[in-house]
């Protein structure tokens, strides 16, 4: 999802000040959507943001469950998720990555590292999307060629 030439990042955190900090870090380069709950994040994800920054510790639906649901929904499963959390235990990171997150950042954030990892994941997503489009086109060309030869 692009607004003008800016890519869109969905920030999910139940603490308003954390959302404001992320907006401050990101808004010059990216369009930022914000969700204060897991349910709101799932709703906003249907708008196809380019990347999701997801907190783990949230009431009602934690970030792990949000990630599980994102990755199980075909229409939105390709959106890269980076966990941004205060949970710095290796087991938490392993769990997050095993659920399909592409990265795991712990608070307090190093702004330069955070921006570099976001940029890398957005570039990788763009390459994946291009490859999928090329693959679709190639499959269609093969179908067309087979149909042409069968019709002869």
C-alpha atoms as a PDB file:
ATOM      1  CA  UNK A   1       0.000   0.000   0.000  1.00  0.00           C
ATOM      2  CA  UNK A   2       1.519   3.286  -1.053  1.00  0.00           C
ATOM      3  CA  UNK A   3       0.466   6.832  -0.249  1.00  0.00           C
ATOM      4  CA  UNK A   4       2.143   8.843  -2.958  1.00  0.00           C
ATOM      5  CA  UNK A   5       5.638   7.422  -3.140  1.00  0.00           C
ATOM      6  CA  UNK A   6       5.744   6.450   0.541  1.00  0.00           C
ATOM      7  CA  UNK A   7       5.391   2.866   1.658  1.00  0.00           C
ATOM      8  CA  UNK A   8       2.955   2.173   4.491  1.00  0.00           C
ATOM      9  CA  UNK A   9       3.912   0.740   7.860  1.00  0.00           C
ATOM     10  CA  UNK A  10       1.346  -0.438  10.392  1.00  0.00           C
ATOM     11  CA  UNK A  11       2.514   0.105  13.974  1.00  0.00           C
ATOM     12  CA  UNK A  12       0.718  -2.038  16.558  1.00  0.00           C
ATOM     13  CA  UNK A  13       1.139  -1.224  20.252  1.00  0.00           C
ATOM     14  CA  UNK A  14      -1.305  -0.789  23.114  1.00  0.00           C
ATOM     15  CA  UNK A  15       0.812   2.011  24.648  1.00  0.00           C
ATOM     16  CA  UNK A  16       0.014   5.340  22.929  1.00  0.00           C
ATOM     17  CA  UNK A  17       3.431   6.853  23.661  1.00  0.00           C
ATOM     18  CA  UNK A  18       5.129   3.917  21.897  1.00  0.00           C
ATOM     19  CA  UNK A  19       3.008   4.550  18.813  1.00  0.00           C
ATOM     20  CA  UNK A  20       3.921   8.247  18.906  1.00  0.00           C
ATOM     21  CA  UNK A  21       7.633   7.421  19.216  1.00  0.00           C
ATOM     22  CA  UNK A  22       7.423   5.090  16.200  1.00  0.00           C
ATOM     23  CA  UNK A  23       5.502   7.710  14.220  1.00  0.00           C
ATOM     24  CA  UNK A  24       8.250  10.207  15.043  1.00  0.00           C
ATOM     25  CA  UNK A  25      10.913   7.786  13.810  1.00  0.00           C
ATOM     26  CA  UNK A  26       9.047   6.703  10.669  1.00  0.00           C
ATOM     27  CA  UNK A  27       6.789   9.490   9.425  1.00  0.00           C
ATOM     28  CA  UNK A  28       9.397  11.379   7.418  1.00  0.00           C
ATOM     29  CA  UNK A  29      10.084   8.331   5.231  1.00  0.00           C
ATOM     30  CA  UNK A  30       6.857   6.286   5.514  1.00  0.00           C
ATOM     31  CA  UNK A  31       3.114   6.610   5.806  1.00  0.00           C
ATOM     32  CA  UNK A  32       2.259   5.276   9.262  1.00  0.00           C
ATOM     33  CA  UNK A  33      -0.958   3.554  10.291  1.00  0.00           C
ATOM     34  CA  UNK A  34      -1.480   2.807  13.975  1.00  0.00           C
ATOM     35  CA  UNK A  35      -3.433   0.157  15.850  1.00  0.00           C
ATOM     36  CA  UNK A  36      -3.818   0.025  19.630  1.00  0.00           C
ATOM     37  CA  UNK A  37      -5.033  -3.590  19.757  1.00  0.00           C
ATOM     38  CA  UNK A  38      -4.644  -6.910  18.020  1.00  0.00           C
ATOM     39  CA  UNK A  39      -8.177  -6.782  16.637  1.00  0.00           C
ATOM     40  CA  UNK A  40      -7.608  -3.317  15.191  1.00  0.00           C
ATOM     41  CA  UNK A  41      -4.311  -4.509  13.686  1.00  0.00           C
ATOM     42  CA  UNK A  42      -6.039  -7.378  11.886  1.00  0.00           C
ATOM     43  CA  UNK A  43      -8.642  -4.979  10.541  1.00  0.00           C
ATOM     44  CA  UNK A  44      -6.044  -2.480   9.295  1.00  0.00           C
ATOM     45  CA  UNK A  45      -3.932  -5.281   7.794  1.00  0.00           C
ATOM     46  CA  UNK A  46      -6.674  -5.779   5.198  1.00  0.00           C
ATOM     47  CA  UNK A  47      -5.541  -2.420   3.764  1.00  0.00           C
ATOM     48  CA  UNK A  48      -2.316  -4.218   2.740  1.00  0.00           C
ATOM     49  CA  UNK A  49       0.383  -2.184   4.503  1.00  0.00           C
ATOM     50  CA  UNK A  50       3.882  -2.880   3.258  1.00  0.00           C
ATOM     51  CA  UNK A  51       5.160  -3.888   6.714  1.00  0.00           C
ATOM     52  CA  UNK A  52       3.821  -4.422  10.235  1.00  0.00           C
ATOM     53  CA  UNK A  53       5.701  -3.493  13.415  1.00  0.00           C
ATOM     54  CA  UNK A  54       4.026  -5.553  16.125  1.00  0.00           C
ATOM     55  CA  UNK A  55       4.305  -5.423  19.901  1.00  0.00           C
ATOM     56  CA  UNK A  56       3.902  -8.725  21.750  1.00  0.00           C
ATOM     57  CA  UNK A  57       2.571  -7.722  25.157  1.00  0.00           C
ATOM     58  CA  UNK A  58      -0.974  -6.483  24.569  1.00  0.00           C
ATOM     59  CA  UNK A  59      -4.211  -7.242  26.394  1.00  0.00           C
ATOM     60  CA  UNK A  60      -6.916  -9.543  24.982  1.00  0.00           C
ATOM     61  CA  UNK A  61      -4.899 -10.655  21.919  1.00  0.00           C
ATOM     62  CA  UNK A  62      -1.118 -10.671  22.207  1.00  0.00           C
ATOM     63  CA  UNK A  63       1.238 -10.096  19.298  1.00  0.00           C
ATOM     64  CA  UNK A  64       1.927 -13.804  18.891  1.00  0.00           C
ATOM     65  CA  UNK A  65      -1.768 -14.461  18.243  1.00  0.00           C
ATOM     66  CA  UNK A  66      -1.975 -11.475  15.883  1.00  0.00           C
ATOM     67  CA  UNK A  67       0.989 -12.847  13.913  1.00  0.00           C
ATOM     68  CA  UNK A  68      -0.559 -16.329  13.860  1.00  0.00           C
ATOM     69  CA  UNK A  69      -3.778 -14.912  12.404  1.00  0.00           C
ATOM     70  CA  UNK A  70      -1.968 -12.712   9.895  1.00  0.00           C
ATOM     71  CA  UNK A  71       0.064 -15.626   8.584  1.00  0.00           C
ATOM     72  CA  UNK A  72      -2.987 -17.911   8.340  1.00  0.00           C
ATOM     73  CA  UNK A  73      -4.993 -15.469   6.192  1.00  0.00           C
ATOM     74  CA  UNK A  74      -3.918 -15.866   2.533  1.00  0.00           C
ATOM     75  CA  UNK A  75      -4.840 -12.299   1.538  1.00  0.00           C
ATOM     76  CA  UNK A  76      -2.501 -10.767   4.134  1.00  0.00           C
ATOM     77  CA  UNK A  77      -0.018 -13.535   4.902  1.00  0.00           C
ATOM     78  CA  UNK A  78       2.679 -11.979   2.717  1.00  0.00           C
ATOM     79  CA  UNK A  79       2.925  -8.803   4.771  1.00  0.00           C
ATOM     80  CA  UNK A  80       6.256  -8.898   6.623  1.00  0.00           C
ATOM     81  CA  UNK A  81       5.986  -8.659  10.409  1.00  0.00           C
ATOM     82  CA  UNK A  82       8.720  -7.350  12.667  1.00  0.00           C
ATOM     83  CA  UNK A  83       8.157  -7.840  16.372  1.00  0.00           C
ATOM     84  CA  UNK A  84       9.075  -4.734  18.388  1.00  0.00           C
ATOM     85  CA  UNK A  85       8.984  -5.640  22.053  1.00  0.00           C
ATOM     86  CA  UNK A  86      10.494  -5.322  25.485  1.00  0.00           C
ATOM     87  CA  UNK A  87      10.695  -9.117  25.704  1.00  0.00           C
ATOM     88  CA  UNK A  88      14.367  -9.903  25.190  1.00  0.00           C
ATOM     89  CA  UNK A  89      14.523 -13.601  26.038  1.00  0.00           C
ATOM     90  CA  UNK A  90      15.891 -15.840  23.263  1.00  0.00           C
ATOM     91  CA  UNK A  91      12.890 -18.175  23.601  1.00  0.00           C
ATOM     92  CA  UNK A  92      10.523 -15.264  22.915  1.00  0.00           C
ATOM     93  CA  UNK A  93      12.484 -14.334  19.813  1.00  0.00           C
ATOM     94  CA  UNK A  94      12.503 -17.941  18.586  1.00  0.00           C
ATOM     95  CA  UNK A  95       8.748 -18.173  19.124  1.00  0.00           C
ATOM     96  CA  UNK A  96       8.148 -14.945  17.201  1.00  0.00           C
ATOM     97  CA  UNK A  97      10.301 -15.997  14.282  1.00  0.00           C
ATOM     98  CA  UNK A  98       8.752 -19.468  14.210  1.00  0.00           C
ATOM     99  CA  UNK A  99       5.322 -17.842  13.820  1.00  0.00           C
ATOM    100  CA  UNK A 100       6.483 -16.172  10.612  1.00  0.00           C
ATOM    101  CA  UNK A 101       7.914 -12.840  11.728  1.00  0.00           C
ATOM    102  CA  UNK A 102      10.833 -11.694   9.580  1.00  0.00           C
ATOM    103  CA  UNK A 103      12.686  -9.936  12.393  1.00  0.00           C
ATOM    104  CA  UNK A 104      12.602  -9.251  16.122  1.00  0.00           C
ATOM    105  CA  UNK A 105      13.678  -5.959  17.683  1.00  0.00           C
ATOM    106  CA  UNK A 106      13.893  -5.299  21.403  1.00  0.00           C
ATOM    107  CA  UNK A 107      13.165  -2.055  23.191  1.00  0.00           C
ATOM    108  CA  UNK A 108      14.746   0.335  23.776  1.00  0.00           C
ATOM    109  CA  UNK A 109      15.285   0.616  20.049  1.00  0.00           C
ATOM    110  CA  UNK A 110      18.390   1.789  18.299  1.00  0.00           C
ATOM    111  CA  UNK A 111      16.838   4.095  15.696  1.00  0.00           C
ATOM    112  CA  UNK A 112      19.502   3.551  13.018  1.00  0.00           C
ATOM    113  CA  UNK A 113      19.309  -0.239  13.321  1.00  0.00           C
ATOM    114  CA  UNK A 114      15.504  -0.152  13.355  1.00  0.00           C
ATOM    115  CA  UNK A 115      15.377   1.945  10.179  1.00  0.00           C
ATOM    116  CA  UNK A 116      17.970  -0.254   8.461  1.00  0.00           C
ATOM    117  CA  UNK A 117      16.049  -3.432   9.255  1.00  0.00           C
ATOM    118  CA  UNK A 118      12.777  -1.893   8.105  1.00  0.00           C
ATOM    119  CA  UNK A 119      14.383  -0.781   4.850  1.00  0.00           C
ATOM    120  CA  UNK A 120      15.863  -4.246   4.279  1.00  0.00           C
ATOM    121  CA  UNK A 121      12.542  -5.993   4.865  1.00  0.00           C
ATOM    122  CA  UNK A 122      10.705  -3.582   2.574  1.00  0.00           C
ATOM    123  CA  UNK A 123      13.274  -4.194  -0.181  1.00  0.00           C
ATOM    124  CA  UNK A 124      12.942  -7.957   0.264  1.00  0.00           C
ATOM    125  CA  UNK A 125       9.145  -7.709   0.092  1.00  0.00           C
ATOM    126  CA  UNK A 126       9.366  -5.700  -3.116  1.00  0.00           C
ATOM    127  CA  UNK A 127      11.647  -8.341  -4.660  1.00  0.00           C
ATOM    128  CA  UNK A 128       9.314 -11.179  -3.530  1.00  0.00           C
ATOM    129  CA  UNK A 129       6.325  -9.349  -5.006  1.00  0.00           C
ATOM    130  CA  UNK A 130       8.145  -8.826  -8.312  1.00  0.00           C
ATOM    131  CA  UNK A 131       9.137 -12.493  -8.464  1.00  0.00           C
ATOM    132  CA  UNK A 132       5.568 -13.592  -7.800  1.00  0.00           C
ATOM    133  CA  UNK A 133       4.320 -11.339 -10.584  1.00  0.00           C
ATOM    134  CA  UNK A 134       6.949 -12.641 -12.996  1.00  0.00           C
ATOM    135  CA  UNK A 135       6.030 -16.209 -12.042  1.00  0.00           C
ATOM    136  CA  UNK A 136       2.321 -15.526 -12.681  1.00  0.00           C
ATOM    137  CA  UNK A 137       3.143 -14.035 -16.072  1.00  0.00           C
ATOM    138  CA  UNK A 138       5.385 -16.961 -16.995  1.00  0.00           C
ATOM    139  CA  UNK A 139       2.713 -19.485 -16.039  1.00  0.00           C
ATOM    140  CA  UNK A 140       0.192 -17.627 -18.176  1.00  0.00           C
ATOM    141  CA  UNK A 141       2.598 -17.561 -21.129  1.00  0.00           C
ATOM    142  CA  UNK A 142       3.139 -21.323 -20.798  1.00  0.00           C
ATOM    143  CA  UNK A 143      -0.639 -21.925 -20.675  1.00  0.00           C
ATOM    144  CA  UNK A 144      -1.111 -19.737 -23.741  1.00  0.00           C
ATOM    145  CA  UNK A 145       1.658 -21.550 -25.649  1.00  0.00           C
ATOM    146  CA  UNK A 146       0.241 -24.975 -24.749  1.00  0.00           C
ATOM    147  CA  UNK A 147      -3.242 -23.889 -25.794  1.00  0.00           C
ATOM    148  CA  UNK A 148      -1.865 -22.498 -29.077  1.00  0.00           C
ATOM    149  CA  UNK A 149      -0.091 -25.780 -29.867  1.00  0.00           C
ATOM    150  CA  UNK A 150      -3.149 -27.866 -28.945  1.00  0.00           C
ATOM    151  CA  UNK A 151      -5.346 -25.757 -31.232  1.00  0.00           C
ATOM    152  CA  UNK A 152      -3.067 -26.405 -34.237  1.00  0.00           C
END
